[in-house]
Amino acid sequence: MNPPARLLRNLLHRSTARYLTVSAKGLHLGRAVNPTAVVRILGFSPARTLYRARRPVCRSLDGAISVTHADRRCESCAFQKECTGQVRVDLLIAGRPYRVLLAYTSAKNFLIYETELRAENIPIEDIEHRLDVIDRGHFGELRFTRAV
């Protein structure tokens, strides 16, 4: 990983993360909704969220320890089977840090993309990526490709 990406990742983890909202119409960036964006990926990890009445009540950004309940570890949590498995991706869009939690189809797309880059020995932090939102009716599915 190059030093600027490491520095940006450290800054992102110390700052308040802006969660990127993805809908069927696109990426919600402030007041604008864009169906595509060019981004830098700073890092990613497994994540988990426990929802009640469609609201998050417990979240882990590393898939191991809750950030909302300091005494909970995911492996021994009584609610583990009710959690939604996700992938946390920290990224920069137009120089602003964002965090997105990817659910099943977007997470699958991301992991396939990351595996392809790794097979080519391309560090994910070293290149720009294009995010495209595919309208799936009730949700937006993210697709990841290399930016041209």
N, C-alpha and C. Protein backbone atom coordinates (compact mmCIF):
# COMPACT_ATOMS: atom_id res chain seq x y z
N MET A 1 0.85 -1.17 0.00
CA MET A 1 0.00 0.00 0.00
C MET A 1 0.90 1.23 0.00
N ASN A 2 0.59 2.20 -0.83
CA ASN A 2 1.41 3.40 -0.88
C ASN A 2 1.11 4.30 0.32
N PRO A 3 2.08 5.13 0.75
CA PRO A 3 1.88 5.97 1.94
C PRO A 3 0.67 6.88 1.90
N PRO A 4 0.33 7.54 0.76
CA PRO A 4 -0.86 8.39 0.79
C PRO A 4 -2.14 7.62 1.12
N ALA A 5 -2.29 6.41 0.61
CA ALA A 5 -3.48 5.62 0.90
C ALA A 5 -3.52 5.25 2.38
N ARG A 6 -2.38 4.90 2.95
CA ARG A 6 -2.31 4.56 4.37
C ARG A 6 -2.69 5.78 5.22
N LEU A 7 -2.16 6.94 4.86
CA LEU A 7 -2.48 8.17 5.58
C LEU A 7 -3.97 8.48 5.48
N LEU A 8 -4.54 8.35 4.29
CA LEU A 8 -5.96 8.62 4.10
C LEU A 8 -6.82 7.63 4.89
N ARG A 9 -6.42 6.37 4.92
CA ARG A 9 -7.17 5.37 5.69
C ARG A 9 -7.15 5.72 7.18
N ASN A 10 -5.98 6.11 7.70
CA ASN A 10 -5.88 6.49 9.10
C ASN A 10 -6.76 7.70 9.41
N LEU A 11 -6.76 8.68 8.51
CA LEU A 11 -7.60 9.86 8.71
C LEU A 11 -9.08 9.48 8.70
N LEU A 12 -9.46 8.60 7.79
CA LEU A 12 -10.86 8.18 7.70
C LEU A 12 -11.29 7.48 8.99
N HIS A 13 -10.46 6.60 9.51
CA HIS A 13 -10.83 5.86 10.72
C HIS A 13 -10.94 6.78 11.93
N ARG A 14 -10.20 7.88 11.93
CA ARG A 14 -10.25 8.83 13.05
C ARG A 14 -11.37 9.85 12.88
N SER A 15 -11.88 10.01 11.67
CA SER A 15 -12.92 11.00 11.43
C SER A 15 -14.30 10.36 11.54
N THR A 16 -15.30 11.20 11.55
CA THR A 16 -16.66 10.70 11.53
C THR A 16 -16.97 10.26 10.11
N ALA A 17 -17.30 9.02 9.96
CA ALA A 17 -17.55 8.48 8.62
C ALA A 17 -18.90 8.96 8.11
N ARG A 18 -18.93 9.37 6.87
CA ARG A 18 -20.19 9.64 6.19
C ARG A 18 -20.59 8.33 5.55
N TYR A 19 -21.76 7.86 5.90
CA TYR A 19 -22.22 6.62 5.29
C TYR A 19 -22.84 6.95 3.94
N LEU A 20 -22.38 6.25 2.94
CA LEU A 20 -22.87 6.43 1.58
C LEU A 20 -24.18 5.66 1.43
N THR A 21 -25.21 6.36 1.01
CA THR A 21 -26.49 5.73 0.77
C THR A 21 -26.59 5.34 -0.70
N VAL A 22 -27.02 4.11 -0.93
CA VAL A 22 -27.20 3.60 -2.29
C VAL A 22 -28.68 3.23 -2.43
N SER A 23 -29.32 3.77 -3.45
CA SER A 23 -30.71 3.42 -3.74
C SER A 23 -30.78 2.93 -5.18
N ALA A 24 -31.96 2.56 -5.60
CA ALA A 24 -32.15 2.12 -6.99
C ALA A 24 -31.79 3.22 -7.98
N LYS A 25 -31.89 4.47 -7.56
CA LYS A 25 -31.60 5.61 -8.44
C LYS A 25 -30.13 5.97 -8.51
N GLY A 26 -29.34 5.54 -7.51
CA GLY A 26 -27.91 5.85 -7.55
C GLY A 26 -27.30 6.08 -6.19
N LEU A 27 -26.13 6.71 -6.21
CA LEU A 27 -25.37 7.04 -5.01
C LEU A 27 -25.81 8.42 -4.54
N HIS A 28 -26.16 8.53 -3.28
CA HIS A 28 -26.63 9.81 -2.73
C HIS A 28 -25.42 10.56 -2.18
N LEU A 29 -24.96 11.54 -2.94
CA LEU A 29 -23.80 12.34 -2.58
C LEU A 29 -24.28 13.77 -2.32
N GLY A 30 -24.56 14.06 -1.07
CA GLY A 30 -25.15 15.35 -0.75
C GLY A 30 -26.55 15.40 -1.32
N ARG A 31 -26.85 16.45 -2.06
CA ARG A 31 -28.18 16.58 -2.67
C ARG A 31 -28.27 15.88 -4.02
N ALA A 32 -27.13 15.53 -4.58
CA ALA A 32 -27.11 14.88 -5.89
C ALA A 32 -27.23 13.37 -5.75
N VAL A 33 -27.89 12.77 -6.73
CA VAL A 33 -27.97 11.31 -6.83
C VAL A 33 -27.34 10.94 -8.17
N ASN A 34 -26.23 10.20 -8.09
CA ASN A 34 -25.47 9.83 -9.29
C ASN A 34 -25.51 8.33 -9.51
N PRO A 35 -25.77 7.90 -10.74
CA PRO A 35 -25.78 6.46 -11.01
C PRO A 35 -24.39 5.84 -11.09
N THR A 36 -23.35 6.69 -11.10
CA THR A 36 -21.98 6.20 -11.19
C THR A 36 -21.04 7.18 -10.50
N ALA A 37 -19.88 6.68 -10.08
CA ALA A 37 -18.86 7.53 -9.46
C ALA A 37 -17.49 6.87 -9.62
N VAL A 38 -16.47 7.70 -9.71
CA VAL A 38 -15.09 7.23 -9.69
C VAL A 38 -14.59 7.42 -8.26
N VAL A 39 -14.01 6.35 -7.70
CA VAL A 39 -13.63 6.35 -6.28
C VAL A 39 -12.23 5.77 -6.10
N ARG A 40 -11.66 6.05 -4.92
CA ARG A 40 -10.47 5.37 -4.44
C ARG A 40 -10.91 4.52 -3.26
N ILE A 41 -10.53 3.27 -3.23
CA ILE A 41 -10.88 2.39 -2.11
C ILE A 41 -9.71 2.39 -1.14
N LEU A 42 -10.00 2.74 0.11
CA LEU A 42 -8.96 2.85 1.13
C LEU A 42 -8.82 1.57 1.96
N GLY A 43 -9.88 0.81 2.05
CA GLY A 43 -9.84 -0.42 2.81
C GLY A 43 -11.21 -1.07 2.87
N PHE A 44 -11.23 -2.31 3.34
CA PHE A 44 -12.49 -3.04 3.45
C PHE A 44 -12.33 -4.15 4.48
N SER A 45 -13.45 -4.62 4.99
CA SER A 45 -13.43 -5.72 5.95
C SER A 45 -14.83 -6.30 6.06
N PRO A 46 -14.95 -7.48 6.70
CA PRO A 46 -16.29 -7.99 6.98
C PRO A 46 -16.98 -7.05 7.96
N ALA A 47 -18.29 -7.04 7.94
CA ALA A 47 -19.09 -6.24 8.87
C ALA A 47 -20.38 -7.00 9.14
N ARG A 48 -21.07 -6.60 10.19
CA ARG A 48 -22.35 -7.21 10.54
C ARG A 48 -23.24 -6.12 11.11
N THR A 49 -24.54 -6.21 10.82
CA THR A 49 -25.51 -5.28 11.41
C THR A 49 -26.73 -6.07 11.83
N LEU A 50 -27.19 -5.79 13.05
CA LEU A 50 -28.42 -6.36 13.55
C LEU A 50 -29.51 -5.30 13.42
N TYR A 51 -30.55 -5.62 12.68
CA TYR A 51 -31.65 -4.68 12.46
C TYR A 51 -32.87 -5.12 13.26
N ARG A 52 -33.58 -4.14 13.78
CA ARG A 52 -34.89 -4.33 14.41
C ARG A 52 -35.81 -3.27 13.82
N ALA A 53 -36.93 -3.68 13.26
CA ALA A 53 -37.87 -2.76 12.61
C ALA A 53 -37.13 -1.88 11.58
N ARG A 54 -36.24 -2.52 10.81
CA ARG A 54 -35.48 -1.87 9.74
C ARG A 54 -34.49 -0.81 10.22
N ARG A 55 -34.20 -0.80 11.51
CA ARG A 55 -33.23 0.15 12.07
C ARG A 55 -32.06 -0.63 12.67
N PRO A 56 -30.83 -0.14 12.45
CA PRO A 56 -29.69 -0.84 13.05
C PRO A 56 -29.66 -0.65 14.56
N VAL A 57 -29.55 -1.76 15.29
CA VAL A 57 -29.46 -1.69 16.74
C VAL A 57 -28.10 -2.18 17.25
N CYS A 58 -27.36 -2.87 16.42
CA CYS A 58 -26.02 -3.32 16.77
C CYS A 58 -25.22 -3.42 15.47
N ARG A 59 -23.96 -3.00 15.53
CA ARG A 59 -23.14 -3.04 14.31
C ARG A 59 -21.70 -3.37 14.67
N SER A 60 -21.08 -4.17 13.82
CA SER A 60 -19.66 -4.46 13.91
C SER A 60 -19.03 -4.07 12.59
N LEU A 61 -17.98 -3.27 12.62
CA LEU A 61 -17.31 -2.85 11.40
C LEU A 61 -16.12 -3.73 11.04
N ASP A 62 -15.89 -4.77 11.88
CA ASP A 62 -14.83 -5.72 11.55
C ASP A 62 -15.32 -7.17 11.59
N GLY A 63 -16.62 -7.35 11.83
CA GLY A 63 -17.19 -8.69 11.88
C GLY A 63 -16.84 -9.46 13.14
N ALA A 64 -16.23 -8.78 14.12
CA ALA A 64 -15.79 -9.47 15.34
C ALA A 64 -16.28 -8.80 16.62
N ILE A 65 -16.24 -7.48 16.69
CA ILE A 65 -16.58 -6.75 17.91
C ILE A 65 -17.60 -5.67 17.59
N SER A 66 -18.63 -5.58 18.42
CA SER A 66 -19.67 -4.57 18.24
C SER A 66 -19.12 -3.18 18.53
N VAL A 67 -19.47 -2.22 17.69
CA VAL A 67 -19.10 -0.83 17.98
C VAL A 67 -20.21 -0.13 18.76
N THR A 68 -21.38 -0.73 18.82
CA THR A 68 -22.51 -0.13 19.53
C THR A 68 -22.70 -0.71 20.93
N HIS A 69 -22.15 -1.89 21.18
CA HIS A 69 -22.22 -2.54 22.49
C HIS A 69 -20.82 -3.06 22.80
N ALA A 70 -20.07 -2.31 23.58
CA ALA A 70 -18.66 -2.60 23.83
C ALA A 70 -18.40 -3.99 24.39
N ASP A 71 -19.38 -4.58 25.07
CA ASP A 71 -19.19 -5.88 25.69
C ASP A 71 -19.55 -7.06 24.78
N ARG A 72 -19.99 -6.81 23.56
CA ARG A 72 -20.40 -7.90 22.66
C ARG A 72 -19.32 -8.27 21.67
N ARG A 73 -19.09 -9.58 21.57
CA ARG A 73 -18.23 -10.13 20.52
C ARG A 73 -19.14 -10.95 19.62
N CYS A 74 -18.99 -10.78 18.33
CA CYS A 74 -19.89 -11.42 17.37
C CYS A 74 -19.92 -12.94 17.50
N GLU A 75 -18.76 -13.56 17.74
CA GLU A 75 -18.71 -15.02 17.78
C GLU A 75 -19.53 -15.63 18.91
N SER A 76 -19.74 -14.88 19.99
CA SER A 76 -20.49 -15.43 21.11
C SER A 76 -21.83 -14.72 21.34
N CYS A 77 -22.24 -13.89 20.41
CA CYS A 77 -23.47 -13.11 20.57
C CYS A 77 -24.71 -13.99 20.34
N ALA A 78 -25.68 -13.85 21.21
CA ALA A 78 -26.92 -14.62 21.09
C ALA A 78 -27.72 -14.23 19.85
N PHE A 79 -27.46 -13.05 19.30
CA PHE A 79 -28.21 -12.55 18.14
C PHE A 79 -27.47 -12.76 16.82
N GLN A 80 -26.36 -13.46 16.84
CA GLN A 80 -25.51 -13.61 15.66
C GLN A 80 -26.28 -14.12 14.43
N LYS A 81 -27.16 -15.08 14.62
CA LYS A 81 -27.90 -15.64 13.48
C LYS A 81 -28.90 -14.65 12.88
N GLU A 82 -29.23 -13.60 13.62
CA GLU A 82 -30.16 -12.59 13.14
C GLU A 82 -29.45 -11.44 12.42
N CYS A 83 -28.13 -11.38 12.51
CA CYS A 83 -27.35 -10.29 11.90
C CYS A 83 -27.31 -10.43 10.38
N THR A 84 -27.16 -9.30 9.74
CA THR A 84 -26.96 -9.25 8.30
C THR A 84 -25.46 -9.17 8.04
N GLY A 85 -24.93 -10.15 7.34
CA GLY A 85 -23.53 -10.11 6.95
C GLY A 85 -23.32 -9.07 5.87
N GLN A 86 -22.25 -8.32 5.98
CA GLN A 86 -21.97 -7.23 5.04
C GLN A 86 -20.47 -7.15 4.78
N VAL A 87 -20.11 -6.27 3.85
CA VAL A 87 -18.72 -5.90 3.64
C VAL A 87 -18.65 -4.39 3.80
N ARG A 88 -17.75 -3.94 4.70
CA ARG A 88 -17.53 -2.51 4.89
C ARG A 88 -16.45 -2.06 3.92
N VAL A 89 -16.74 -1.00 3.16
CA VAL A 89 -15.75 -0.44 2.24
C VAL A 89 -15.59 1.04 2.56
N ASP A 90 -14.34 1.44 2.83
CA ASP A 90 -14.02 2.85 3.04
C ASP A 90 -13.46 3.39 1.75
N LEU A 91 -13.98 4.53 1.32
CA LEU A 91 -13.56 5.06 0.03
C LEU A 91 -13.56 6.58 0.01
N LEU A 92 -12.95 7.12 -1.04
CA LEU A 92 -12.94 8.55 -1.29
C LEU A 92 -13.69 8.81 -2.58
N ILE A 93 -14.58 9.78 -2.53
CA ILE A 93 -15.28 10.24 -3.73
C ILE A 93 -15.05 11.73 -3.81
N ALA A 94 -14.40 12.17 -4.88
CA ALA A 94 -14.08 13.58 -5.07
C ALA A 94 -13.36 14.14 -3.83
N GLY A 95 -12.45 13.35 -3.26
CA GLY A 95 -11.66 13.79 -2.13
C GLY A 95 -12.34 13.73 -0.78
N ARG A 96 -13.59 13.28 -0.72
CA ARG A 96 -14.33 13.19 0.55
C ARG A 96 -14.43 11.73 0.99
N PRO A 97 -14.19 11.44 2.28
CA PRO A 97 -14.26 10.05 2.75
C PRO A 97 -15.71 9.61 2.97
N TYR A 98 -15.98 8.40 2.57
CA TYR A 98 -17.28 7.77 2.78
C TYR A 98 -17.07 6.34 3.22
N ARG A 99 -18.08 5.79 3.84
CA ARG A 99 -18.11 4.38 4.21
C ARG A 99 -19.41 3.82 3.65
N VAL A 100 -19.34 2.64 3.05
CA VAL A 100 -20.54 1.99 2.56
C VAL A 100 -20.55 0.56 3.09
N LEU A 101 -21.73 0.11 3.51
CA LEU A 101 -21.90 -1.26 3.96
C LEU A 101 -22.65 -2.01 2.86
N LEU A 102 -21.97 -2.98 2.29
CA LEU A 102 -22.52 -3.72 1.16
C LEU A 102 -23.24 -4.96 1.63
N ALA A 103 -24.48 -5.11 1.19
CA ALA A 103 -25.25 -6.32 1.48
C ALA A 103 -24.98 -7.34 0.37
N TYR A 104 -25.73 -8.41 0.38
CA TYR A 104 -25.42 -9.63 -0.37
C TYR A 104 -24.94 -9.43 -1.82
N THR A 105 -25.76 -8.90 -2.71
CA THR A 105 -25.37 -8.88 -4.13
C THR A 105 -24.22 -7.91 -4.39
N SER A 106 -24.26 -6.74 -3.76
CA SER A 106 -23.16 -5.79 -3.94
C SER A 106 -21.88 -6.33 -3.31
N ALA A 107 -22.00 -6.97 -2.15
CA ALA A 107 -20.83 -7.56 -1.49
C ALA A 107 -20.22 -8.65 -2.36
N LYS A 108 -21.06 -9.48 -2.95
CA LYS A 108 -20.58 -10.54 -3.84
C LYS A 108 -19.83 -9.93 -5.02
N ASN A 109 -20.40 -8.88 -5.63
CA ASN A 109 -19.74 -8.21 -6.76
C ASN A 109 -18.39 -7.64 -6.34
N PHE A 110 -18.34 -7.02 -5.16
CA PHE A 110 -17.10 -6.43 -4.68
C PHE A 110 -16.04 -7.50 -4.44
N LEU A 111 -16.41 -8.60 -3.79
CA LEU A 111 -15.43 -9.64 -3.48
C LEU A 111 -14.89 -10.31 -4.74
N ILE A 112 -15.72 -10.49 -5.74
CA ILE A 112 -15.25 -11.03 -7.02
C ILE A 112 -14.26 -10.06 -7.66
N TYR A 113 -14.60 -8.78 -7.67
CA TYR A 113 -13.73 -7.74 -8.23
C TYR A 113 -12.39 -7.70 -7.50
N GLU A 114 -12.43 -7.70 -6.16
CA GLU A 114 -11.20 -7.64 -5.37
C GLU A 114 -10.34 -8.88 -5.62
N THR A 115 -10.95 -10.04 -5.76
CA THR A 115 -10.21 -11.27 -6.04
C THR A 115 -9.52 -11.20 -7.40
N GLU A 116 -10.21 -10.63 -8.39
CA GLU A 116 -9.61 -10.47 -9.73
C GLU A 116 -8.39 -9.54 -9.67
N LEU A 117 -8.51 -8.43 -8.93
CA LEU A 117 -7.37 -7.51 -8.80
C LEU A 117 -6.21 -8.19 -8.09
N ARG A 118 -6.50 -8.91 -7.02
CA ARG A 118 -5.45 -9.61 -6.26
C ARG A 118 -4.76 -10.64 -7.14
N ALA A 119 -5.51 -11.34 -7.99
CA ALA A 119 -4.92 -12.34 -8.90
C ALA A 119 -3.95 -11.69 -9.89
N GLU A 120 -4.19 -10.43 -10.19
CA GLU A 120 -3.31 -9.68 -11.10
C GLU A 120 -2.25 -8.88 -10.34
N ASN A 121 -2.15 -9.10 -9.03
CA ASN A 121 -1.20 -8.39 -8.18
C ASN A 121 -1.37 -6.88 -8.24
N ILE A 122 -2.62 -6.42 -8.28
CA ILE A 122 -2.92 -4.99 -8.28
C ILE A 122 -3.51 -4.64 -6.92
N PRO A 123 -2.79 -3.89 -6.10
CA PRO A 123 -3.35 -3.47 -4.80
C PRO A 123 -4.59 -2.59 -5.02
N ILE A 124 -5.65 -2.92 -4.33
CA ILE A 124 -6.92 -2.22 -4.51
C ILE A 124 -6.79 -0.73 -4.19
N GLU A 125 -5.87 -0.38 -3.29
CA GLU A 125 -5.69 1.02 -2.89
C GLU A 125 -4.95 1.84 -3.93
N ASP A 126 -4.31 1.18 -4.91
CA ASP A 126 -3.43 1.89 -5.84
C ASP A 126 -4.09 2.39 -7.12
N ILE A 127 -5.34 2.00 -7.35
CA ILE A 127 -5.98 2.43 -8.60
C ILE A 127 -7.34 3.06 -8.32
N GLU A 128 -7.87 3.75 -9.32
CA GLU A 128 -9.22 4.30 -9.21
C GLU A 128 -10.21 3.25 -9.70
N HIS A 129 -11.41 3.32 -9.12
CA HIS A 129 -12.45 2.35 -9.43
C HIS A 129 -13.71 3.08 -9.85
N ARG A 130 -14.51 2.41 -10.62
CA ARG A 130 -15.80 2.97 -11.02
C ARG A 130 -16.89 2.17 -10.33
N LEU A 131 -17.81 2.88 -9.69
CA LEU A 131 -18.99 2.26 -9.09
C LEU A 131 -20.18 2.58 -9.98
N ASP A 132 -20.91 1.58 -10.36
CA ASP A 132 -22.14 1.76 -11.13
C ASP A 132 -23.28 1.16 -10.33
N VAL A 133 -24.39 1.90 -10.26
CA VAL A 133 -25.57 1.42 -9.56
C VAL A 133 -26.53 0.82 -10.57
N ILE A 134 -26.89 -0.43 -10.34
CA ILE A 134 -27.86 -1.13 -11.18
C ILE A 134 -29.20 -1.05 -10.46
N ASP A 135 -30.20 -0.53 -11.13
CA ASP A 135 -31.55 -0.38 -10.55
C ASP A 135 -32.22 -1.75 -10.48
N ARG A 136 -32.44 -2.23 -9.25
CA ARG A 136 -33.10 -3.52 -9.03
C ARG A 136 -34.51 -3.34 -8.47
N GLY A 137 -35.09 -2.17 -8.73
CA GLY A 137 -36.45 -1.91 -8.28
C GLY A 137 -36.50 -1.37 -6.87
N HIS A 138 -36.36 -2.25 -5.89
CA HIS A 138 -36.44 -1.83 -4.49
C HIS A 138 -35.08 -1.48 -3.89
N PHE A 139 -34.00 -1.76 -4.63
CA PHE A 139 -32.66 -1.45 -4.12
C PHE A 139 -31.71 -1.23 -5.28
N GLY A 140 -30.56 -0.65 -4.97
CA GLY A 140 -29.51 -0.45 -5.97
C GLY A 140 -28.38 -1.43 -5.72
N GLU A 141 -27.99 -2.12 -6.77
CA GLU A 141 -26.88 -3.07 -6.69
C GLU A 141 -25.63 -2.38 -7.22
N LEU A 142 -24.53 -2.44 -6.45
CA LEU A 142 -23.28 -1.83 -6.89
C LEU A 142 -22.44 -2.81 -7.69
N ARG A 143 -21.89 -2.30 -8.78
CA ARG A 143 -20.92 -3.05 -9.59
C ARG A 143 -19.62 -2.29 -9.56
N PHE A 144 -18.51 -3.00 -9.49
CA PHE A 144 -17.19 -2.43 -9.37
C PHE A 144 -16.37 -2.77 -10.60
N THR A 145 -15.75 -1.76 -11.20
CA THR A 145 -14.83 -1.96 -12.33
C THR A 145 -13.67 -0.98 -12.17
N ARG A 146 -12.63 -1.20 -12.95
CA ARG A 146 -11.51 -0.25 -12.96
C ARG A 146 -11.95 1.00 -13.71
N ALA A 147 -11.57 2.15 -13.17
CA ALA A 147 -11.86 3.41 -13.86
C ALA A 147 -10.92 3.51 -15.05
N VAL A 148 -11.42 4.05 -16.12
CA VAL A 148 -10.61 4.18 -17.34
C VAL A 148 -9.98 5.56 -17.40
